[in-house]
N, C-alpha and C. Protein backbone atom coordinates (compact mmCIF):
# COMPACT_ATOMS: atom_id res chain seq x y z
N MET A 1 88.47 189.07 -54.39
CA MET A 1 88.56 190.57 -53.89
C MET A 1 88.56 190.63 -52.31
N LYS A 2 89.43 191.50 -51.84
CA LYS A 2 89.41 191.52 -50.21
C LYS A 2 89.02 192.90 -49.80
N THR A 3 88.18 193.08 -48.77
CA THR A 3 87.87 194.53 -48.38
C THR A 3 89.15 195.02 -47.64
N LYS A 4 89.36 196.22 -47.75
CA LYS A 4 90.54 196.92 -47.31
C LYS A 4 90.20 198.12 -46.03
N LEU A 5 91.17 198.19 -45.37
CA LEU A 5 91.01 199.24 -44.27
C LEU A 5 89.80 199.04 -43.42
N VAL A 6 89.66 197.81 -42.89
CA VAL A 6 88.38 197.59 -42.20
C VAL A 6 88.85 197.54 -40.81
N LEU A 7 88.12 198.03 -39.77
CA LEU A 7 88.22 197.88 -38.44
C LEU A 7 87.94 196.50 -37.86
N GLY A 8 88.72 195.88 -37.11
CA GLY A 8 88.39 194.59 -36.50
C GLY A 8 87.30 194.97 -35.52
N GLY A 9 86.85 193.78 -34.70
CA GLY A 9 85.97 194.05 -33.71
C GLY A 9 86.48 194.85 -32.58
N THR A 10 85.63 195.86 -32.15
CA THR A 10 86.10 196.85 -31.32
C THR A 10 85.40 197.03 -30.06
N GLY A 11 84.27 196.44 -29.94
CA GLY A 11 83.40 196.61 -28.74
C GLY A 11 82.78 198.11 -28.75
N VAL A 12 82.11 198.57 -27.73
CA VAL A 12 81.48 199.88 -27.83
C VAL A 12 82.10 200.96 -27.10
N ARG A 13 82.42 202.05 -27.60
CA ARG A 13 82.89 203.16 -26.81
C ARG A 13 82.32 204.47 -27.18
N ASP A 14 82.31 205.43 -26.27
CA ASP A 14 81.78 206.76 -26.76
C ASP A 14 82.80 207.77 -27.04
N ASN A 15 84.07 207.28 -27.36
CA ASN A 15 85.11 208.03 -27.79
C ASN A 15 85.56 207.96 -29.18
N ARG A 16 85.19 208.95 -29.82
CA ARG A 16 85.58 209.06 -31.26
C ARG A 16 86.98 208.90 -31.62
N GLU A 17 87.76 209.58 -30.99
CA GLU A 17 89.31 209.59 -31.18
C GLU A 17 89.80 208.22 -31.02
N TRP A 18 89.31 207.55 -30.00
CA TRP A 18 89.78 206.08 -29.63
C TRP A 18 89.42 205.36 -30.91
N TYR A 19 88.08 205.37 -31.32
CA TYR A 19 87.66 204.47 -32.33
C TYR A 19 88.31 204.92 -33.79
N MET A 20 88.66 206.01 -34.06
CA MET A 20 89.22 206.53 -35.23
C MET A 20 90.76 206.07 -35.24
N ALA A 21 91.35 205.89 -34.16
CA ALA A 21 92.67 205.51 -34.14
C ALA A 21 92.96 204.05 -34.06
N ARG A 22 91.89 203.30 -34.24
CA ARG A 22 92.15 201.69 -34.07
C ARG A 22 92.75 201.32 -35.50
N ALA A 23 93.67 200.42 -35.34
CA ALA A 23 94.11 199.76 -36.58
C ALA A 23 93.41 199.24 -37.48
N ARG A 24 93.67 199.47 -38.82
CA ARG A 24 92.77 198.82 -40.00
C ARG A 24 93.54 197.65 -40.42
N VAL A 25 92.77 196.74 -41.08
CA VAL A 25 93.30 195.31 -41.44
C VAL A 25 92.71 195.25 -42.89
N ASN A 26 93.18 194.40 -43.66
CA ASN A 26 92.64 193.98 -44.97
C ASN A 26 92.11 192.57 -44.90
N GLY A 27 90.90 192.44 -45.54
CA GLY A 27 90.37 191.05 -45.63
C GLY A 27 89.68 190.64 -44.31
N ASP A 28 89.46 191.42 -43.42
CA ASP A 28 88.67 191.05 -42.19
C ASP A 28 87.22 190.78 -42.63
N PRO A 29 86.58 189.77 -42.05
CA PRO A 29 85.31 189.64 -42.27
C PRO A 29 84.17 190.72 -41.85
N HIS A 30 84.50 191.48 -40.97
CA HIS A 30 83.77 192.67 -40.50
C HIS A 30 83.35 193.66 -41.68
N GLY A 31 84.24 193.69 -42.75
CA GLY A 31 83.96 194.50 -43.68
C GLY A 31 83.09 193.89 -44.91
N GLN A 32 82.81 192.64 -44.77
CA GLN A 32 82.16 191.87 -45.97
C GLN A 32 80.79 192.23 -45.92
N ALA A 33 80.07 192.19 -44.99
CA ALA A 33 78.56 192.49 -44.92
C ALA A 33 78.16 193.73 -45.60
N PRO A 34 78.75 194.88 -45.06
CA PRO A 34 78.31 196.00 -45.77
C PRO A 34 78.57 196.13 -47.31
N LEU A 35 79.75 195.56 -47.72
CA LEU A 35 79.87 195.24 -49.25
C LEU A 35 78.82 194.53 -49.95
N LEU A 36 78.51 193.33 -49.35
CA LEU A 36 77.31 192.55 -49.84
C LEU A 36 75.90 193.25 -49.69
N TRP A 37 75.73 194.11 -48.76
CA TRP A 37 74.52 194.88 -48.64
C TRP A 37 74.52 195.91 -49.96
N LEU A 38 75.71 196.44 -50.23
CA LEU A 38 75.78 197.46 -51.21
C LEU A 38 75.58 196.61 -52.69
N CYS A 39 76.09 195.53 -52.72
CA CYS A 39 75.85 194.77 -54.06
C CYS A 39 74.23 194.45 -54.22
N LYS A 40 73.62 194.13 -53.24
CA LYS A 40 72.29 193.69 -53.25
C LYS A 40 71.44 194.77 -53.75
N VAL A 41 71.74 195.95 -53.06
CA VAL A 41 70.98 197.20 -53.53
C VAL A 41 71.22 197.65 -55.03
N LEU A 42 72.61 197.50 -55.41
CA LEU A 42 72.92 197.73 -56.77
C LEU A 42 72.13 196.89 -57.84
N ILE A 43 72.05 195.52 -57.39
CA ILE A 43 71.36 194.52 -58.26
C ILE A 43 69.86 194.86 -58.35
N GLU A 44 69.31 195.24 -57.21
CA GLU A 44 67.81 195.54 -57.17
C GLU A 44 67.53 196.76 -57.81
N MET A 45 68.55 197.61 -58.22
CA MET A 45 68.25 198.97 -58.76
C MET A 45 68.18 198.69 -60.41
N LYS A 46 68.45 197.54 -60.76
CA LYS A 46 68.63 197.38 -62.34
C LYS A 46 67.10 197.07 -62.92
């Protein structure tokens, strides 16, 4: 399974439009941690 539409590393900015206009990529590791956190919470809820 690949994560989809993940923002690559961006640095920090205070400009929402710049951040939202960033290119999205598929399978980038930046999107894997939140997915793993979600899985952990779902498993703990059982």
